[in-house]
Amino acid sequence: MAKSRITKWKWNVRKGYYPFMQQSAVRDALESAGEAIASAAGEGVEVESQSSSGRRGTPRVAVYTATPEAMLDEAQNRTLSRALDAGRG
């Protein structure tokens, strides 16, 4: 019977992940994905981005319904939820 070996990974987020996430290319990719989602969802959907948020300074992008019509359309037809696939790729 073969022995199994379990390998544990230890991520050093301060030296690898956070500096990677703080690069302008990552921020630009997030913003373009947010814009693609908003354009696929239609009118009344807006994008808000922060280049450095939180204590770690990682970028964030939010896509949300800004008008009552867009909120109603999301509630009835799930247009914003379905538009999430447009941001991938």
PDB file of N, CA and C in Angstrom:
ATOM      1  N   MET A   1       0.836  -1.181   0.000  1.00  0.00           N
ATOM      2  CA  MET A   1       0.000   0.000   0.000  1.00  0.00           C
ATOM      3  C   MET A   1       0.886   1.252   0.000  1.00  0.00           C
ATOM      4  N   ALA A   2       0.567   2.150  -0.880  1.00  0.00           N
ATOM      5  CA  ALA A   2       1.373   3.361  -1.023  1.00  0.00           C
ATOM      6  C   ALA A   2       1.064   4.356   0.088  1.00  0.00           C
ATOM      7  N   LYS A   3       2.099   5.040   0.508  1.00  0.00           N
ATOM      8  CA  LYS A   3       1.910   6.063   1.530  1.00  0.00           C
ATOM      9  C   LYS A   3       1.507   7.366   0.860  1.00  0.00           C
ATOM     10  N   SER A   4       0.590   8.064   1.485  1.00  0.00           N
ATOM     11  CA  SER A   4       0.204   9.378   0.957  1.00  0.00           C
ATOM     12  C   SER A   4       0.931  10.461   1.741  1.00  0.00           C
ATOM     13  N   ARG A   5       1.227  11.507   1.063  1.00  0.00           N
ATOM     14  CA  ARG A   5       1.951  12.603   1.688  1.00  0.00           C
ATOM     15  C   ARG A   5       1.123  13.878   1.551  1.00  0.00           C
ATOM     16  N   ILE A   6       0.895  14.542   2.625  1.00  0.00           N
ATOM     17  CA  ILE A   6       0.134  15.784   2.620  1.00  0.00           C
ATOM     18  C   ILE A   6       1.127  16.944   2.644  1.00  0.00           C
ATOM     19  N   THR A   7       0.954  17.838   1.707  1.00  0.00           N
ATOM     20  CA  THR A   7       1.816  19.007   1.617  1.00  0.00           C
ATOM     21  C   THR A   7       1.022  20.232   2.027  1.00  0.00           C
ATOM     22  N   LYS A   8       1.573  21.008   2.923  1.00  0.00           N
ATOM     23  CA  LYS A   8       0.920  22.247   3.342  1.00  0.00           C
ATOM     24  C   LYS A   8       1.590  23.414   2.628  1.00  0.00           C
ATOM     25  N   TRP A   9       0.761  24.317   2.173  1.00  0.00           N
ATOM     26  CA  TRP A   9       1.258  25.524   1.519  1.00  0.00           C
ATOM     27  C   TRP A   9       1.112  26.680   2.482  1.00  0.00           C
ATOM     28  N   LYS A  10       2.121  27.459   2.582  1.00  0.00           N
ATOM     29  CA  LYS A  10       2.066  28.656   3.411  1.00  0.00           C
ATOM     30  C   LYS A  10       2.256  29.862   2.501  1.00  0.00           C
ATOM     31  N   TRP A  11       1.256  30.681   2.425  1.00  0.00           N
ATOM     32  CA  TRP A  11       1.303  31.856   1.554  1.00  0.00           C
ATOM     33  C   TRP A  11       1.852  33.037   2.337  1.00  0.00           C
ATOM     34  N   ASN A  12       2.811  33.704   1.766  1.00  0.00           N
ATOM     35  CA  ASN A  12       3.339  34.917   2.358  1.00  0.00           C
ATOM     36  C   ASN A  12       2.671  36.089   1.659  1.00  0.00           C
ATOM     37  N   VAL A  13       1.553  36.528   2.223  1.00  0.00           N
ATOM     38  CA  VAL A  13       0.752  37.545   1.544  1.00  0.00           C
ATOM     39  C   VAL A  13       1.410  38.911   1.557  1.00  0.00           C
ATOM     40  N   ARG A  14       2.231  39.193   2.527  1.00  0.00           N
ATOM     41  CA  ARG A  14       2.866  40.515   2.577  1.00  0.00           C
ATOM     42  C   ARG A  14       3.938  40.687   1.512  1.00  0.00           C
ATOM     43  N   LYS A  15       4.614  39.597   1.159  1.00  0.00           N
ATOM     44  CA  LYS A  15       5.690  39.687   0.176  1.00  0.00           C
ATOM     45  C   LYS A  15       5.238  39.362  -1.237  1.00  0.00           C
ATOM     46  N   GLY A  16       4.111  38.668  -1.397  1.00  0.00           N
ATOM     47  CA  GLY A  16       3.699  38.245  -2.726  1.00  0.00           C
ATOM     48  C   GLY A  16       2.342  38.751  -3.157  1.00  0.00           C
ATOM     49  N   TYR A  17       1.311  38.425  -2.387  1.00  0.00           N
ATOM     50  CA  TYR A  17      -0.056  38.722  -2.811  1.00  0.00           C
ATOM     51  C   TYR A  17      -0.367  40.215  -2.792  1.00  0.00           C
ATOM     52  N   TYR A  18      -0.103  40.881  -1.688  1.00  0.00           N
ATOM     53  CA  TYR A  18      -0.454  42.302  -1.602  1.00  0.00           C
ATOM     54  C   TYR A  18       0.320  43.175  -2.595  1.00  0.00           C
ATOM     55  N   PRO A  19       1.620  42.994  -2.752  1.00  0.00           N
ATOM     56  CA  PRO A  19       2.306  43.778  -3.781  1.00  0.00           C
ATOM     57  C   PRO A  19       1.785  43.497  -5.188  1.00  0.00           C
ATOM     58  N   PHE A  20       1.415  42.234  -5.451  1.00  0.00           N
ATOM     59  CA  PHE A  20       0.830  41.906  -6.752  1.00  0.00           C
ATOM     60  C   PHE A  20      -0.498  42.624  -6.947  1.00  0.00           C
ATOM     61  N   MET A  21      -1.348  42.606  -5.938  1.00  0.00           N
ATOM     62  CA  MET A  21      -2.660  43.234  -6.048  1.00  0.00           C
ATOM     63  C   MET A  21      -2.576  44.761  -6.144  1.00  0.00           C
ATOM     64  N   GLN A  22      -1.493  45.339  -5.683  1.00  0.00           N
ATOM     65  CA  GLN A  22      -1.348  46.790  -5.715  1.00  0.00           C
ATOM     66  C   GLN A  22      -0.793  47.310  -7.032  1.00  0.00           C
ATOM     67  N   GLN A  23      -0.487  46.431  -7.960  1.00  0.00           N
ATOM     68  CA  GLN A  23       0.038  46.864  -9.253  1.00  0.00           C
ATOM     69  C   GLN A  23      -1.058  47.540 -10.075  1.00  0.00           C
ATOM     70  N   SER A  24      -0.665  48.482 -10.896  1.00  0.00           N
ATOM     71  CA  SER A  24      -1.631  49.217 -11.709  1.00  0.00           C
ATOM     72  C   SER A  24      -2.296  48.320 -12.755  1.00  0.00           C
ATOM     73  N   ALA A  25      -1.614  47.297 -13.219  1.00  0.00           N
ATOM     74  CA  ALA A  25      -2.204  46.385 -14.206  1.00  0.00           C
ATOM     75  C   ALA A  25      -3.388  45.621 -13.620  1.00  0.00           C
ATOM     76  N   VAL A  26      -3.300  45.244 -12.357  1.00  0.00           N
ATOM     77  CA  VAL A  26      -4.412  44.558 -11.698  1.00  0.00           C
ATOM     78  C   VAL A  26      -5.586  45.515 -11.539  1.00  0.00           C
ATOM     79  N   ARG A  27      -5.309  46.733 -11.131  1.00  0.00           N
ATOM     80  CA  ARG A  27      -6.360  47.737 -10.977  1.00  0.00           C
ATOM     81  C   ARG A  27      -7.048  48.008 -12.321  1.00  0.00           C
ATOM     82  N   ASP A  28      -6.268  48.125 -13.374  1.00  0.00           N
ATOM     83  CA  ASP A  28      -6.839  48.360 -14.696  1.00  0.00           C
ATOM     84  C   ASP A  28      -7.697  47.190 -15.163  1.00  0.00           C
ATOM     85  N   ALA A  29      -7.248  45.961 -14.875  1.00  0.00           N
ATOM     86  CA  ALA A  29      -8.030  44.778 -15.257  1.00  0.00           C
ATOM     87  C   ALA A  29      -9.349  44.731 -14.496  1.00  0.00           C
ATOM     88  N   LEU A  30      -9.331  45.084 -13.215  1.00  0.00           N
ATOM     89  CA  LEU A  30     -10.567  45.114 -12.427  1.00  0.00           C
ATOM     90  C   LEU A  30     -11.528  46.177 -12.949  1.00  0.00           C
ATOM     91  N   GLU A  31     -10.996  47.343 -13.271  1.00  0.00           N
ATOM     92  CA  GLU A  31     -11.850  48.413 -13.772  1.00  0.00           C
ATOM     93  C   GLU A  31     -12.444  48.070 -15.131  1.00  0.00           C
ATOM     94  N   SER A  32     -11.664  47.451 -16.002  1.00  0.00           N
ATOM     95  CA  SER A  32     -12.207  47.079 -17.312  1.00  0.00           C
ATOM     96  C   SER A  32     -13.260  45.981 -17.176  1.00  0.00           C
ATOM     97  N   ALA A  33     -13.067  45.061 -16.244  1.00  0.00           N
ATOM     98  CA  ALA A  33     -14.086  44.031 -16.006  1.00  0.00           C
ATOM     99  C   ALA A  33     -15.367  44.662 -15.464  1.00  0.00           C
ATOM    100  N   GLY A  34     -15.234  45.634 -14.580  1.00  0.00           N
ATOM    101  CA  GLY A  34     -16.406  46.333 -14.059  1.00  0.00           C
ATOM    102  C   GLY A  34     -17.154  47.096 -15.135  1.00  0.00           C
ATOM    103  N   GLU A  35     -16.408  47.738 -16.022  1.00  0.00           N
ATOM    104  CA  GLU A  35     -17.035  48.460 -17.129  1.00  0.00           C
ATOM    105  C   GLU A  35     -17.741  47.506 -18.086  1.00  0.00           C
ATOM    106  N   ALA A  36     -17.155  46.346 -18.329  1.00  0.00           N
ATOM    107  CA  ALA A  36     -17.789  45.352 -19.210  1.00  0.00           C
ATOM    108  C   ALA A  36     -19.093  44.843 -18.603  1.00  0.00           C
ATOM    109  N   ILE A  37     -19.102  44.631 -17.310  1.00  0.00           N
ATOM    110  CA  ILE A  37     -20.317  44.177 -16.629  1.00  0.00           C
ATOM    111  C   ILE A  37     -21.385  45.251 -16.691  1.00  0.00           C
ATOM    112  N   ALA A  38     -20.999  46.500 -16.428  1.00  0.00           N
ATOM    113  CA  ALA A  38     -21.970  47.596 -16.437  1.00  0.00           C
ATOM    114  C   ALA A  38     -22.548  47.824 -17.824  1.00  0.00           C
ATOM    115  N   SER A  39     -21.726  47.723 -18.861  1.00  0.00           N
ATOM    116  CA  SER A  39     -22.247  47.935 -20.208  1.00  0.00           C
ATOM    117  C   SER A  39     -23.149  46.784 -20.636  1.00  0.00           C
ATOM    118  N   ALA A  40     -22.851  45.569 -20.171  1.00  0.00           N
ATOM    119  CA  ALA A  40     -23.708  44.427 -20.499  1.00  0.00           C
ATOM    120  C   ALA A  40     -25.030  44.489 -19.750  1.00  0.00           C
ATOM    121  N   ALA A  41     -25.040  45.105 -18.580  1.00  0.00           N
ATOM    122  CA  ALA A  41     -26.260  45.186 -17.783  1.00  0.00           C
ATOM    123  C   ALA A  41     -27.220  46.257 -18.295  1.00  0.00           C
ATOM    124  N   GLY A  42     -26.699  47.277 -18.950  1.00  0.00           N
ATOM    125  CA  GLY A  42     -27.563  48.296 -19.526  1.00  0.00           C
ATOM    126  C   GLY A  42     -27.560  49.596 -18.741  1.00  0.00           C
ATOM    127  N   GLU A  43     -28.555  50.419 -19.017  1.00  0.00           N
ATOM    128  CA  GLU A  43     -28.636  51.749 -18.396  1.00  0.00           C
ATOM    129  C   GLU A  43     -29.012  51.644 -16.927  1.00  0.00           C
ATOM    130  N   GLY A  44     -28.532  52.617 -16.172  1.00  0.00           N
ATOM    131  CA  GLY A  44     -28.853  52.674 -14.755  1.00  0.00           C
ATOM    132  C   GLY A  44     -27.881  51.907 -13.878  1.00  0.00           C
ATOM    133  N   VAL A  45     -26.860  51.313 -14.478  1.00  0.00           N
ATOM    134  CA  VAL A  45     -25.855  50.568 -13.729  1.00  0.00           C
ATOM    135  C   VAL A  45     -24.567  51.364 -13.766  1.00  0.00           C
ATOM    136  N   GLU A  46     -23.974  51.563 -12.608  1.00  0.00           N
ATOM    137  CA  GLU A  46     -22.757  52.368 -12.513  1.00  0.00           C
ATOM    138  C   GLU A  46     -21.618  51.563 -11.913  1.00  0.00           C
ATOM    139  N   VAL A  47     -20.403  52.061 -12.133  1.00  0.00           N
ATOM    140  CA  VAL A  47     -19.189  51.430 -11.631  1.00  0.00           C
ATOM    141  C   VAL A  47     -18.495  52.405 -10.701  1.00  0.00           C
ATOM    142  N   GLU A  48     -18.075  51.907  -9.554  1.00  0.00           N
ATOM    143  CA  GLU A  48     -17.312  52.713  -8.609  1.00  0.00           C
ATOM    144  C   GLU A  48     -16.028  51.962  -8.295  1.00  0.00           C
ATOM    145  N   SER A  49     -14.903  52.641  -8.403  1.00  0.00           N
ATOM    146  CA  SER A  49     -13.635  51.965  -8.141  1.00  0.00           C
ATOM    147  C   SER A  49     -12.808  52.752  -7.136  1.00  0.00           C
ATOM    148  N   GLN A  50     -12.051  52.013  -6.351  1.00  0.00           N
ATOM    149  CA  GLN A  50     -11.118  52.593  -5.394  1.00  0.00           C
ATOM    150  C   GLN A  50      -9.753  52.009  -5.700  1.00  0.00           C
ATOM    151  N   SER A  51      -8.795  52.867  -5.920  1.00  0.00           N
ATOM    152  CA  SER A  51      -7.465  52.374  -6.277  1.00  0.00           C
ATOM    153  C   SER A  51      -6.728  51.809  -5.077  1.00  0.00           C
ATOM    154  N   SER A  52      -7.063  52.257  -3.890  1.00  0.00           N
ATOM    155  CA  SER A  52      -6.402  51.762  -2.694  1.00  0.00           C
ATOM    156  C   SER A  52      -7.403  51.783  -1.555  1.00  0.00           C
ATOM    157  N   SER A  53      -7.947  50.627  -1.219  1.00  0.00           N
ATOM    158  CA  SER A  53      -8.941  50.580  -0.163  1.00  0.00           C
ATOM    159  C   SER A  53      -8.514  49.624   0.931  1.00  0.00           C
ATOM    160  N   GLY A  54      -8.974  49.890   2.105  1.00  0.00           N
ATOM    161  CA  GLY A  54      -8.615  49.047   3.236  1.00  0.00           C
ATOM    162  C   GLY A  54      -7.210  49.333   3.729  1.00  0.00           C
ATOM    163  N   ARG A  55      -6.838  48.670   4.783  1.00  0.00           N
ATOM    164  CA  ARG A  55      -5.506  48.933   5.337  1.00  0.00           C
ATOM    165  C   ARG A  55      -4.391  48.303   4.514  1.00  0.00           C
ATOM    166  N   ARG A  56      -4.733  47.390   3.613  1.00  0.00           N
ATOM    167  CA  ARG A  56      -3.717  46.740   2.794  1.00  0.00           C
ATOM    168  C   ARG A  56      -3.548  47.401   1.430  1.00  0.00           C
ATOM    169  N   GLY A  57      -4.420  48.313   1.090  1.00  0.00           N
ATOM    170  CA  GLY A  57      -4.258  49.085  -0.131  1.00  0.00           C
ATOM    171  C   GLY A  57      -4.549  48.344  -1.414  1.00  0.00           C
ATOM    172  N   THR A  58      -5.442  47.366  -1.378  1.00  0.00           N
ATOM    173  CA  THR A  58      -5.782  46.639  -2.595  1.00  0.00           C
ATOM    174  C   THR A  58      -6.925  47.329  -3.311  1.00  0.00           C
ATOM    175  N   PRO A  59      -6.935  47.313  -4.644  1.00  0.00           N
ATOM    176  CA  PRO A  59      -8.002  47.974  -5.395  1.00  0.00           C
ATOM    177  C   PRO A  59      -9.307  47.197  -5.326  1.00  0.00           C
ATOM    178  N   ARG A  60     -10.415  47.934  -5.403  1.00  0.00           N
ATOM    179  CA  ARG A  60     -11.737  47.320  -5.396  1.00  0.00           C
ATOM    180  C   ARG A  60     -12.615  48.010  -6.424  1.00  0.00           C
ATOM    181  N   VAL A  61     -13.513  47.237  -7.012  1.00  0.00           N
ATOM    182  CA  VAL A  61     -14.459  47.758  -7.993  1.00  0.00           C
ATOM    183  C   VAL A  61     -15.842  47.268  -7.617  1.00  0.00           C
ATOM    184  N   ALA A  62     -16.809  48.178  -7.626  1.00  0.00           N
ATOM    185  CA  ALA A  62     -18.200  47.822  -7.328  1.00  0.00           C
ATOM    186  C   ALA A  62     -19.073  48.207  -8.515  1.00  0.00           C
ATOM    187  N   VAL A  63     -19.940  47.306  -8.922  1.00  0.00           N
ATOM    188  CA  VAL A  63     -20.914  47.560  -9.985  1.00  0.00           C
ATOM    189  C   VAL A  63     -22.280  47.470  -9.326  1.00  0.00           C
ATOM    190  N   TYR A  64     -23.080  48.527  -9.451  1.00  0.00           N
ATOM    191  CA  TYR A  64     -24.346  48.563  -8.737  1.00  0.00           C
ATOM    192  C   TYR A  64     -25.425  49.256  -9.556  1.00  0.00           C
ATOM    193  N   THR A  65     -26.675  49.002  -9.183  1.00  0.00           N
ATOM    194  CA  THR A  65     -27.804  49.666  -9.829  1.00  0.00           C
ATOM    195  C   THR A  65     -27.981  51.026  -9.175  1.00  0.00           C
ATOM    196  N   ALA A  66     -28.044  52.071  -9.986  1.00  0.00           N
ATOM    197  CA  ALA A  66     -28.088  53.436  -9.463  1.00  0.00           C
ATOM    198  C   ALA A  66     -29.456  54.083  -9.591  1.00  0.00           C
ATOM    199  N   THR A  67     -30.320  53.554 -10.432  1.00  0.00           N
ATOM    200  CA  THR A  67     -31.637  54.154 -10.621  1.00  0.00           C
ATOM    201  C   THR A  67     -32.723  53.178 -10.181  1.00  0.00           C
ATOM    202  N   PRO A  68     -33.883  53.698  -9.829  1.00  0.00           N
ATOM    203  CA  PRO A  68     -34.989  52.810  -9.452  1.00  0.00           C
ATOM    204  C   PRO A  68     -35.398  51.861 -10.578  1.00  0.00           C
ATOM    205  N   GLU A  69     -35.304  52.319 -11.824  1.00  0.00           N
ATOM    206  CA  GLU A  69     -35.650  51.466 -12.956  1.00  0.00           C
ATOM    207  C   GLU A  69     -34.689  50.278 -13.064  1.00  0.00           C
ATOM    208  N   ALA A  70     -33.403  50.554 -12.859  1.00  0.00           N
ATOM    209  CA  ALA A  70     -32.411  49.489 -12.916  1.00  0.00           C
ATOM    210  C   ALA A  70     -32.578  48.516 -11.750  1.00  0.00           C
ATOM    211  N   MET A  71     -32.955  49.039 -10.591  1.00  0.00           N
ATOM    212  CA  MET A  71     -33.197  48.175  -9.439  1.00  0.00           C
ATOM    213  C   MET A  71     -34.388  47.253  -9.691  1.00  0.00           C
ATOM    214  N   LEU A  72     -35.430  47.794 -10.277  1.00  0.00           N
ATOM    215  CA  LEU A  72     -36.611  46.991 -10.598  1.00  0.00           C
ATOM    216  C   LEU A  72     -36.280  45.953 -11.663  1.00  0.00           C
ATOM    217  N   ASP A  73     -35.502  46.363 -12.666  1.00  0.00           N
ATOM    218  CA  ASP A  73     -35.100  45.438 -13.724  1.00  0.00           C
ATOM    219  C   ASP A  73     -34.242  44.307 -13.159  1.00  0.00           C
ATOM    220  N   GLU A  74     -33.371  44.628 -12.206  1.00  0.00           N
ATOM    221  CA  GLU A  74     -32.554  43.592 -11.562  1.00  0.00           C
ATOM    222  C   GLU A  74     -33.434  42.647 -10.746  1.00  0.00           C
ATOM    223  N   ALA A  75     -34.407  43.200 -10.059  1.00  0.00           N
ATOM    224  CA  ALA A  75     -35.283  42.366  -9.233  1.00  0.00           C
ATOM    225  C   ALA A  75     -36.151  41.436 -10.084  1.00  0.00           C
ATOM    226  N   GLN A  76     -36.613  41.921 -11.218  1.00  0.00           N
ATOM    227  CA  GLN A  76     -37.513  41.115 -12.043  1.00  0.00           C
ATOM    228  C   GLN A  76     -36.769  40.219 -13.034  1.00  0.00           C
ATOM    229  N   ASN A  77     -35.730  40.743 -13.669  1.00  0.00           N
ATOM    230  CA  ASN A  77     -35.069  40.026 -14.761  1.00  0.00           C
ATOM    231  C   ASN A  77     -33.641  39.583 -14.455  1.00  0.00           C
ATOM    232  N   ARG A  78     -33.087  40.009 -13.320  1.00  0.00           N
ATOM    233  CA  ARG A  78     -31.725  39.665 -12.919  1.00  0.00           C
ATOM    234  C   ARG A  78     -30.683  40.076 -13.971  1.00  0.00           C
ATOM    235  N   THR A  79     -30.850  41.272 -14.544  1.00  0.00           N
ATOM    236  CA  THR A  79     -29.953  41.713 -15.609  1.00  0.00           C
ATOM    237  C   THR A  79     -28.519  41.922 -15.134  1.00  0.00           C
ATOM    238  N   LEU A  80     -28.349  42.511 -13.965  1.00  0.00           N
ATOM    239  CA  LEU A  80     -26.992  42.730 -13.458  1.00  0.00           C
ATOM    240  C   LEU A  80     -26.343  41.401 -13.072  1.00  0.00           C
ATOM    241  N   SER A  81     -27.099  40.527 -12.478  1.00  0.00           N
ATOM    242  CA  SER A  81     -26.553  39.218 -12.090  1.00  0.00           C
ATOM    243  C   SER A  81     -26.138  38.411 -13.315  1.00  0.00           C
ATOM    244  N   ARG A  82     -26.911  38.485 -14.378  1.00  0.00           N
ATOM    245  CA  ARG A  82     -26.565  37.760 -15.602  1.00  0.00           C
ATOM    246  C   ARG A  82     -25.408  38.406 -16.337  1.00  0.00           C
ATOM    247  N   ALA A  83     -25.217  39.693 -16.135  1.00  0.00           N
ATOM    248  CA  ALA A  83     -24.128  40.414 -16.808  1.00  0.00           C
ATOM    249  C   ALA A  83     -22.772  40.100 -16.196  1.00  0.00           C
ATOM    250  N   LEU A  84     -22.725  39.425 -15.064  1.00  0.00           N
ATOM    251  CA  LEU A  84     -21.452  39.084 -14.441  1.00  0.00           C
ATOM    252  C   LEU A  84     -20.583  38.233 -15.356  1.00  0.00           C
ATOM    253  N   ASP A  85     -21.178  37.418 -16.188  1.00  0.00           N
ATOM    254  CA  ASP A  85     -20.409  36.601 -17.117  1.00  0.00           C
ATOM    255  C   ASP A  85     -19.676  37.445 -18.147  1.00  0.00           C
ATOM    256  N   ALA A  86     -20.168  38.668 -18.411  1.00  0.00           N
ATOM    257  CA  ALA A  86     -19.519  39.549 -19.392  1.00  0.00           C
ATOM    258  C   ALA A  86     -18.174  40.053 -18.874  1.00  0.00           C
ATOM    259  N   GLY A  87     -18.012  40.136 -17.559  1.00  0.00           N
ATOM    260  CA  GLY A  87     -16.762  40.630 -16.983  1.00  0.00           C
ATOM    261  C   GLY A  87     -15.663  39.594 -16.948  1.00  0.00           C
ATOM    262  N   ARG A  88     -15.997  38.346 -17.146  1.00  0.00           N
ATOM    263  CA  ARG A  88     -14.994  37.289 -17.131  1.00  0.00           C
ATOM    264  C   ARG A  88     -14.456  37.084 -18.544  1.00  0.00           C
ATOM    265  N   GLY A  89     -13.184  36.898 -18.593  1.00  0.00           N
ATOM    266  CA  GLY A  89     -12.629  36.576 -19.900  1.00  0.00           C
ATOM    267  C   GLY A  89     -11.594  37.509 -20.392  1.00  0.00           C
TER     268      GLY A  89
END
